[in-house]
PDB file of N, CA and C in Angstrom:
ATOM      1  N   MET A   1     113.143  93.173  99.547  1.00  0.00           N
ATOM      2  CA  MET A   1     111.846  93.055  98.900  1.00  0.00           C
ATOM      3  C   MET A   1     110.758  92.969  99.976  1.00  0.00           C
ATOM      4  N   LEU A   2     109.669  93.642  99.736  1.00  0.00           N
ATOM      5  CA  LEU A   2     108.524  93.644 100.646  1.00  0.00           C
ATOM      6  C   LEU A   2     107.286  93.146  99.914  1.00  0.00           C
ATOM      7  N   ILE A   3     106.467  92.395 100.622  1.00  0.00           N
ATOM      8  CA  ILE A   3     105.196  91.906 100.084  1.00  0.00           C
ATOM      9  C   ILE A   3     104.064  92.649 100.786  1.00  0.00           C
ATOM     10  N   TYR A   4     103.123  93.164 100.006  1.00  0.00           N
ATOM     11  CA  TYR A   4     101.933  93.793 100.576  1.00  0.00           C
ATOM     12  C   TYR A   4     100.869  92.710 100.761  1.00  0.00           C
ATOM     13  N   THR A   5     100.408  92.517 101.988  1.00  0.00           N
ATOM     14  CA  THR A   5      99.369  91.519 102.239  1.00  0.00           C
ATOM     15  C   THR A   5      98.023  92.007 101.696  1.00  0.00           C
ATOM     16  N   GLU A   6      97.126  91.057 101.496  1.00  0.00           N
ATOM     17  CA  GLU A   6      95.773  91.414 101.063  1.00  0.00           C
ATOM     18  C   GLU A   6      95.102  92.303 102.108  1.00  0.00           C
ATOM     19  N   HIS A   7      95.351  92.007 103.370  1.00  0.00           N
ATOM     20  CA  HIS A   7      94.781  92.830 104.441  1.00  0.00           C
ATOM     21  C   HIS A   7      95.234  94.282 104.289  1.00  0.00           C
ATOM     22  N   LEU A   8      96.512  94.485 104.036  1.00  0.00           N
ATOM     23  CA  LEU A   8      97.016  95.849 103.855  1.00  0.00           C
ATOM     24  C   LEU A   8      96.296  96.532 102.697  1.00  0.00           C
ATOM     25  N   LYS A   9      96.194  95.851 101.581  1.00  0.00           N
ATOM     26  CA  LYS A   9      95.546  96.445 100.403  1.00  0.00           C
ATOM     27  C   LYS A   9      94.107  96.861 100.719  1.00  0.00           C
ATOM     28  N   GLU A  10      93.397  96.009 101.459  1.00  0.00           N
ATOM     29  CA  GLU A  10      92.023  96.331 101.853  1.00  0.00           C
ATOM     30  C   GLU A  10      91.984  97.541 102.785  1.00  0.00           C
ATOM     31  N   MET A  11      92.914  97.592 103.722  1.00  0.00           N
ATOM     32  CA  MET A  11      92.940  98.685 104.694  1.00  0.00           C
ATOM     33  C   MET A  11      93.286 100.019 104.036  1.00  0.00           C
ATOM     34  N   LEU A  12      94.170 100.002 103.050  1.00  0.00           N
ATOM     35  CA  LEU A  12      94.505 101.243 102.349  1.00  0.00           C
ATOM     36  C   LEU A  12      93.263 101.829 101.698  1.00  0.00           C
ATOM     37  N   GLN A  13      92.496 100.964 101.068  1.00  0.00           N
ATOM     38  CA  GLN A  13      91.278 101.426 100.408  1.00  0.00           C
ATOM     39  C   GLN A  13      90.230 101.866 101.433  1.00  0.00           C
ATOM     40  N   GLU A  14      90.017 101.050 102.444  1.00  0.00           N
ATOM     41  CA  GLU A  14      88.993 101.330 103.450  1.00  0.00           C
ATOM     42  C   GLU A  14      89.303 102.591 104.254  1.00  0.00           C
ATOM     43  N   ARG A  15      90.579 102.804 104.546  1.00  0.00           N
ATOM     44  CA  ARG A  15      90.983 103.916 105.408  1.00  0.00           C
ATOM     45  C   ARG A  15      91.460 105.140 104.633  1.00  0.00           C
ATOM     46  N   ASP A  16      91.345 105.090 103.313  1.00  0.00           N
ATOM     47  CA  ASP A  16      91.731 106.221 102.463  1.00  0.00           C
ATOM     48  C   ASP A  16      93.199 106.612 102.682  1.00  0.00           C
ATOM     49  N   ILE A  17      94.069 105.599 102.671  1.00  0.00           N
ATOM     50  CA  ILE A  17      95.503 105.817 102.842  1.00  0.00           C
ATOM     51  C   ILE A  17      96.173 105.625 101.489  1.00  0.00           C
ATOM     52  N   ALA A  18      96.899 106.631 101.047  1.00  0.00           N
ATOM     53  CA  ALA A  18      97.588 106.561  99.760  1.00  0.00           C
ATOM     54  C   ALA A  18      98.789 105.624  99.856  1.00  0.00           C
ATOM     55  N   GLU A  19      98.973 104.810  98.831  1.00  0.00           N
ATOM     56  CA  GLU A  19     100.110 103.889  98.814  1.00  0.00           C
ATOM     57  C   GLU A  19     101.432 104.648  98.885  1.00  0.00           C
ATOM     58  N   LYS A  20     101.484 105.843  98.299  1.00  0.00           N
ATOM     59  CA  LYS A  20     102.726 106.631  98.350  1.00  0.00           C
ATOM     60  C   LYS A  20     103.071 107.010  99.789  1.00  0.00           C
ATOM     61  N   TRP A  21     102.062 107.203 100.639  1.00  0.00           N
ATOM     62  CA  TRP A  21     102.335 107.521 102.049  1.00  0.00           C
ATOM     63  C   TRP A  21     102.955 106.320 102.757  1.00  0.00           C
ATOM     64  N   VAL A  22     102.487 105.127 102.416  1.00  0.00           N
ATOM     65  CA  VAL A  22     103.063 103.907 102.992  1.00  0.00           C
ATOM     66  C   VAL A  22     104.524 103.799 102.568  1.00  0.00           C
ATOM     67  N   GLU A  23     104.788 104.014 101.294  1.00  0.00           N
ATOM     68  CA  GLU A  23     106.157 103.936 100.782  1.00  0.00           C
ATOM     69  C   GLU A  23     107.049 104.987 101.430  1.00  0.00           C
ATOM     70  N   GLU A  24     106.552 106.219 101.545  1.00  0.00           N
ATOM     71  CA  GLU A  24     107.331 107.286 102.187  1.00  0.00           C
ATOM     72  C   GLU A  24     107.627 106.949 103.644  1.00  0.00           C
ATOM     73  N   THR A  25     106.647 106.358 104.319  1.00  0.00           N
ATOM     74  CA  THR A  25     106.820 105.998 105.729  1.00  0.00           C
ATOM     75  C   THR A  25     107.893 104.930 105.882  1.00  0.00           C
ATOM     76  N   MET A  26     107.915 103.968 104.982  1.00  0.00           N
ATOM     77  CA  MET A  26     108.921 102.911 105.068  1.00  0.00           C
ATOM     78  C   MET A  26     110.307 103.408 104.667  1.00  0.00           C
ATOM     79  N   LEU A  27     110.371 104.313 103.695  1.00  0.00           N
ATOM     80  CA  LEU A  27     111.668 104.808 103.218  1.00  0.00           C
ATOM     81  C   LEU A  27     112.287 105.852 104.134  1.00  0.00           C
ATOM     82  N   SER A  28     111.465 106.692 104.733  1.00  0.00           N
ATOM     83  CA  SER A  28     112.017 107.727 105.622  1.00  0.00           C
ATOM     84  C   SER A  28     111.085 107.954 106.813  1.00  0.00           C
ATOM     85  N   PRO A  29     111.039 106.975 107.704  1.00  0.00           N
ATOM     86  CA  PRO A  29     110.161 107.097 108.878  1.00  0.00           C
ATOM     87  C   PRO A  29     110.667 108.151 109.849  1.00  0.00           C
ATOM     88  N   ASP A  30     109.744 108.747 110.583  1.00  0.00           N
ATOM     89  CA  ASP A  30     110.128 109.651 111.671  1.00  0.00           C
ATOM     90  C   ASP A  30     110.586 108.836 112.874  1.00  0.00           C
ATOM     91  N   HIS A  31     110.004 107.654 113.032  1.00  0.00           N
ATOM     92  CA  HIS A  31     110.349 106.762 114.148  1.00  0.00           C
ATOM     93  C   HIS A  31     110.160 105.322 113.694  1.00  0.00           C
ATOM     94  N   ILE A  32     110.959 104.417 114.277  1.00  0.00           N
ATOM     95  CA  ILE A  32     110.776 102.981 114.072  1.00  0.00           C
ATOM     96  C   ILE A  32     110.683 102.346 115.449  1.00  0.00           C
ATOM     97  N   LEU A  33     109.610 101.613 115.665  1.00  0.00           N
ATOM     98  CA  LEU A  33     109.384 100.938 116.938  1.00  0.00           C
ATOM     99  C   LEU A  33     109.478  99.433 116.700  1.00  0.00           C
ATOM    100  N   GLU A  34     110.427  98.781 117.356  1.00  0.00           N
ATOM    101  CA  GLU A  34     110.622  97.335 117.204  1.00  0.00           C
ATOM    102  C   GLU A  34     109.851  96.611 118.304  1.00  0.00           C
ATOM    103  N   ASN A  35     109.097  95.598 117.926  1.00  0.00           N
ATOM    104  CA  ASN A  35     108.326  94.815 118.893  1.00  0.00           C
ATOM    105  C   ASN A  35     108.916  93.419 119.047  1.00  0.00           C
ATOM    106  N   LYS A  36     108.697  92.826 120.199  1.00  0.00           N
ATOM    107  CA  LYS A  36     109.204  91.479 120.479  1.00  0.00           C
ATOM    108  C   LYS A  36     108.549  90.416 119.604  1.00  0.00           C
ATOM    109  N   ASP A  37     107.389  90.734 119.040  1.00  0.00           N
ATOM    110  CA  ASP A  37     106.681  89.754 118.211  1.00  0.00           C
ATOM    111  C   ASP A  37     107.237  89.665 116.789  1.00  0.00           C
ATOM    112  N   GLY A  38     108.323  90.387 116.513  1.00  0.00           N
ATOM    113  CA  GLY A  38     108.941  90.331 115.194  1.00  0.00           C
ATOM    114  C   GLY A  38     108.421  91.364 114.220  1.00  0.00           C
ATOM    115  N   THR A  39     107.559  92.248 114.694  1.00  0.00           N
ATOM    116  CA  THR A  39     107.071  93.311 113.817  1.00  0.00           C
ATOM    117  C   THR A  39     107.817  94.607 114.092  1.00  0.00           C
ATOM    118  N   SER A  40     107.944  95.389 113.048  1.00  0.00           N
ATOM    119  CA  SER A  40     108.501  96.731 113.163  1.00  0.00           C
ATOM    120  C   SER A  40     107.404  97.700 112.769  1.00  0.00           C
ATOM    121  N   HIS A  41     107.260  98.762 113.555  1.00  0.00           N
ATOM    122  CA  HIS A  41     106.235  99.765 113.298  1.00  0.00           C
ATOM    123  C   HIS A  41     106.939 101.031 112.829  1.00  0.00           C
ATOM    124  N   TYR A  42     106.738 101.352 111.568  1.00  0.00           N
ATOM    125  CA  TYR A  42     107.313 102.552 110.980  1.00  0.00           C
ATOM    126  C   TYR A  42     106.277 103.660 111.117  1.00  0.00           C
ATOM    127  N   VAL A  43     106.709 104.798 111.623  1.00  0.00           N
ATOM    128  CA  VAL A  43     105.786 105.886 111.936  1.00  0.00           C
ATOM    129  C   VAL A  43     106.251 107.155 111.234  1.00  0.00           C
ATOM    130  N   LYS A  44     105.299 107.839 110.611  1.00  0.00           N
ATOM    131  CA  LYS A  44     105.625 109.098 109.932  1.00  0.00           C
ATOM    132  C   LYS A  44     104.429 110.041 110.006  1.00  0.00           C
ATOM    133  N   GLN A  45     104.734 111.300 110.200  1.00  0.00           N
ATOM    134  CA  GLN A  45     103.689 112.320 110.192  1.00  0.00           C
ATOM    135  C   GLN A  45     103.420 112.709 108.740  1.00  0.00           C
ATOM    136  N   ILE A  46     102.177 112.591 108.327  1.00  0.00           N
ATOM    137  CA  ILE A  46     101.779 112.911 106.957  1.00  0.00           C
ATOM    138  C   ILE A  46     101.211 114.326 106.959  1.00  0.00           C
ATOM    139  N   VAL A  47     102.056 115.277 106.639  1.00  0.00           N
ATOM    140  CA  VAL A  47     101.691 116.694 106.709  1.00  0.00           C
ATOM    141  C   VAL A  47     100.516 117.004 105.790  1.00  0.00           C
ATOM    142  N   GLU A  48     100.525 116.426 104.604  1.00  0.00           N
ATOM    143  CA  GLU A  48      99.470 116.719 103.632  1.00  0.00           C
ATOM    144  C   GLU A  48      98.114 116.106 104.004  1.00  0.00           C
ATOM    145  N   TYR A  49      98.066 115.339 105.082  1.00  0.00           N
ATOM    146  CA  TYR A  49      96.813 114.749 105.554  1.00  0.00           C
ATOM    147  C   TYR A  49      96.568 115.202 106.985  1.00  0.00           C
ATOM    148  N   ASP A  50      96.526 116.515 107.168  1.00  0.00           N
ATOM    149  CA  ASP A  50      96.238 117.140 108.460  1.00  0.00           C
ATOM    150  C   ASP A  50      97.264 116.770 109.535  1.00  0.00           C
ATOM    151  N   SER A  51      98.498 116.512 109.091  1.00  0.00           N
ATOM    152  CA  SER A  51      99.608 116.161 109.993  1.00  0.00           C
ATOM    153  C   SER A  51      99.301 114.951 110.871  1.00  0.00           C
ATOM    154  N   ARG A  52      98.505 114.050 110.337  1.00  0.00           N
ATOM    155  CA  ARG A  52      98.190 112.827 111.089  1.00  0.00           C
ATOM    156  C   ARG A  52      99.373 111.866 111.024  1.00  0.00           C
ATOM    157  N   TRP A  53      99.452 110.985 112.015  1.00  0.00           N
ATOM    158  CA  TRP A  53     100.554 110.037 112.129  1.00  0.00           C
ATOM    159  C   TRP A  53     100.161 108.693 111.530  1.00  0.00           C
ATOM    160  N   LEU A  54     100.926 108.265 110.531  1.00  0.00           N
ATOM    161  CA  LEU A  54     100.684 106.979 109.889  1.00  0.00           C
ATOM    162  C   LEU A  54     101.605 105.924 110.504  1.00  0.00           C
ATOM    163  N   ARG A  55     101.023 104.797 110.854  1.00  0.00           N
ATOM    164  CA  ARG A  55     101.790 103.664 111.388  1.00  0.00           C
ATOM    165  C   ARG A  55     101.698 102.533 110.357  1.00  0.00           C
ATOM    166  N   VAL A  56     102.851 102.041 109.923  1.00  0.00           N
ATOM    167  CA  VAL A  56     102.927 100.935 108.971  1.00  0.00           C
ATOM    168  C   VAL A  56     103.605  99.769 109.683  1.00  0.00           C
ATOM    169  N   VAL A  57     102.931  98.626 109.727  1.00  0.00           N
ATOM    170  CA  VAL A  57     103.432  97.465 110.463  1.00  0.00           C
ATOM    171  C   VAL A  57     104.001  96.446 109.478  1.00  0.00           C
ATOM    172  N   ILE A  58     105.262  96.062 109.734  1.00  0.00           N
ATOM    173  CA  ILE A  58     105.962  95.115 108.872  1.00  0.00           C
ATOM    174  C   ILE A  58     106.357  93.890 109.688  1.00  0.00           C
ATOM    175  N   ASN A  59     106.051  92.712 109.163  1.00  0.00           N
ATOM    176  CA  ASN A  59     106.465  91.457 109.792  1.00  0.00           C
ATOM    177  C   ASN A  59     107.838  91.102 109.238  1.00  0.00           C
ATOM    178  N   LYS A  60     108.861  91.232 110.073  1.00  0.00           N
ATOM    179  CA  LYS A  60     110.226  90.966 109.626  1.00  0.00           C
ATOM    180  C   LYS A  60     110.651  89.524 109.864  1.00  0.00           C
ATOM    181  N   ARG A  61     109.788  88.731 110.482  1.00  0.00           N
ATOM    182  CA  ARG A  61     110.104  87.312 110.674  1.00  0.00           C
ATOM    183  C   ARG A  61     109.851  86.507 109.408  1.00  0.00           C
ATOM    184  N   SER A  62     109.007  87.016 108.546  1.00  0.00           N
ATOM    185  CA  SER A  62     108.734  86.313 107.291  1.00  0.00           C
ATOM    186  C   SER A  62     109.721  86.798 106.227  1.00  0.00           C
ATOM    187  N   LEU A  63     110.056  85.906 105.320  1.00  0.00           N
ATOM    188  CA  LEU A  63     110.931  86.272 104.206  1.00  0.00           C
ATOM    189  C   LEU A  63     110.212  85.939 102.921  1.00  0.00           C
ATOM    190  N   PRO A  64     110.040  86.870 102.025  1.00  0.00           N
ATOM    191  CA  PRO A  64     110.376  88.289 102.201  1.00  0.00           C
ATOM    192  C   PRO A  64     109.480  88.929 103.262  1.00  0.00           C
ATOM    193  N   HIS A  65     109.928  90.070 103.761  1.00  0.00           N
ATOM    194  CA  HIS A  65     109.164  90.784 104.783  1.00  0.00           C
ATOM    195  C   HIS A  65     107.787  91.153 104.231  1.00  0.00           C
ATOM    196  N   ARG A  66     106.794  91.132 105.123  1.00  0.00           N
ATOM    197  CA  ARG A  66     105.414  91.442 104.724  1.00  0.00           C
ATOM    198  C   ARG A  66     104.932  92.716 105.398  1.00  0.00           C
ATOM    199  N   VAL A  67     104.344  93.582 104.598  1.00  0.00           N
ATOM    200  CA  VAL A  67     103.707  94.780 105.139  1.00  0.00           C
ATOM    201  C   VAL A  67     102.295  94.344 105.518  1.00  0.00           C
ATOM    202  N   VAL A  68     102.040  94.313 106.824  1.00  0.00           N
ATOM    203  CA  VAL A  68     100.825  93.703 107.357  1.00  0.00           C
ATOM    204  C   VAL A  68      99.636  94.652 107.326  1.00  0.00           C
ATOM    205  N   THR A  69      99.835  95.880 107.823  1.00  0.00           N
ATOM    206  CA  THR A  69      98.723  96.827 107.899  1.00  0.00           C
ATOM    207  C   THR A  69      99.263  98.245 107.996  1.00  0.00           C
ATOM    208  N   ALA A  70      98.368  99.195 107.852  1.00  0.00           N
ATOM    209  CA  ALA A  70      98.705 100.613 107.999  1.00  0.00           C
ATOM    210  C   ALA A  70      97.463 101.327 108.515  1.00  0.00           C
ATOM    211  N   PHE A  71      97.698 102.275 109.405  1.00  0.00           N
ATOM    212  CA  PHE A  71      96.569 103.038 109.940  1.00  0.00           C
ATOM    213  C   PHE A  71      97.068 104.341 110.532  1.00  0.00           C
ATOM    214  N   PHE A  72      96.170 105.311 110.588  1.00  0.00           N
ATOM    215  CA  PHE A  72      96.477 106.573 111.253  1.00  0.00           C
ATOM    216  C   PHE A  72      96.246 106.369 112.741  1.00  0.00           C
ATOM    217  N   ASP A  73      97.284 106.635 113.517  1.00  0.00           N
ATOM    218  CA  ASP A  73      97.274 106.353 114.953  1.00  0.00           C
ATOM    219  C   ASP A  73      97.096 107.651 115.730  1.00  0.00           C
ATOM    220  N   ARG A  74      95.904 107.862 116.259  1.00  0.00           N
ATOM    221  CA  ARG A  74      95.595 109.096 116.997  1.00  0.00           C
ATOM    222  C   ARG A  74      96.440 109.244 118.256  1.00  0.00           C
ATOM    223  N   ARG A  75      96.815 108.122 118.855  1.00  0.00           N
ATOM    224  CA  ARG A  75      97.618 108.173 120.091  1.00  0.00           C
ATOM    225  C   ARG A  75      98.959 108.853 119.865  1.00  0.00           C
ATOM    226  N   LEU A  76      99.502 108.719 118.675  1.00  0.00           N
ATOM    227  CA  LEU A  76     100.831 109.270 118.401  1.00  0.00           C
ATOM    228  C   LEU A  76     100.830 110.790 118.343  1.00  0.00           C
ATOM    229  N   ARG A  77      99.705 111.376 118.011  1.00  0.00           N
ATOM    230  CA  ARG A  77      99.623 112.839 117.970  1.00  0.00           C
ATOM    231  C   ARG A  77      99.983 113.422 119.335  1.00  0.00           C
ATOM    232  N   LYS A  78      99.479 112.797 120.400  1.00  0.00           N
ATOM    233  CA  LYS A  78      99.781 113.264 121.757  1.00  0.00           C
ATOM    234  C   LYS A  78     101.214 112.931 122.157  1.00  0.00           C
ATOM    235  N   ILE A  79     101.661 111.740 121.801  1.00  0.00           N
ATOM    236  CA  ILE A  79     103.005 111.299 122.193  1.00  0.00           C
ATOM    237  C   ILE A  79     104.084 112.171 121.561  1.00  0.00           C
ATOM    238  N   TYR A  80     103.940 112.460 120.264  1.00  0.00           N
ATOM    239  CA  TYR A  80     104.981 113.188 119.546  1.00  0.00           C
ATOM    240  C   TYR A  80     104.697 114.677 119.387  1.00  0.00           C
ATOM    241  N   ALA A  81     103.669 115.181 120.032  1.00  0.00           N
ATOM    242  CA  ALA A  81     103.271 116.585 119.876  1.00  0.00           C
ATOM    243  C   ALA A  81     104.415 117.555 120.146  1.00  0.00           C
ATOM    244  N   ASN A  82     105.191 117.303 121.148  1.00  0.00           N
ATOM    245  CA  ASN A  82     106.270 118.224 121.511  1.00  0.00           C
ATOM    246  C   ASN A  82     107.641 117.732 121.084  1.00  0.00           C
ATOM    247  N   LYS A  83     107.692 116.623 120.348  1.00  0.00           N
ATOM    248  CA  LYS A  83     108.981 116.045 119.973  1.00  0.00           C
ATOM    249  C   LYS A  83     109.350 116.278 118.523  1.00  0.00           C
ATOM    250  N   SER A  84     108.406 116.672 117.688  1.00  0.00           N
ATOM    251  CA  SER A  84     108.686 116.826 116.258  1.00  0.00           C
ATOM    252  C   SER A  84     109.201 118.196 115.929  1.00  0.00           C
TER     253      SER A  84
END
């Protein structure tokens, strides 16, 4: 079970990110980056949104896990340009 934080809900609206993209990113990420701070960053290229890279941050130290934020990460376009 995952909990969507209020911050996430605000960011989805503010950043024009569809909730279905967040769900798709968590269910079938292109990459998962684990951080020492207990967060996991799920990354997926959203083809229908100009192939931009969506990063969804989940706090796995809390139970149930919390989806903290989501944003399109411009840095990933360069990193994964030749890897996808």
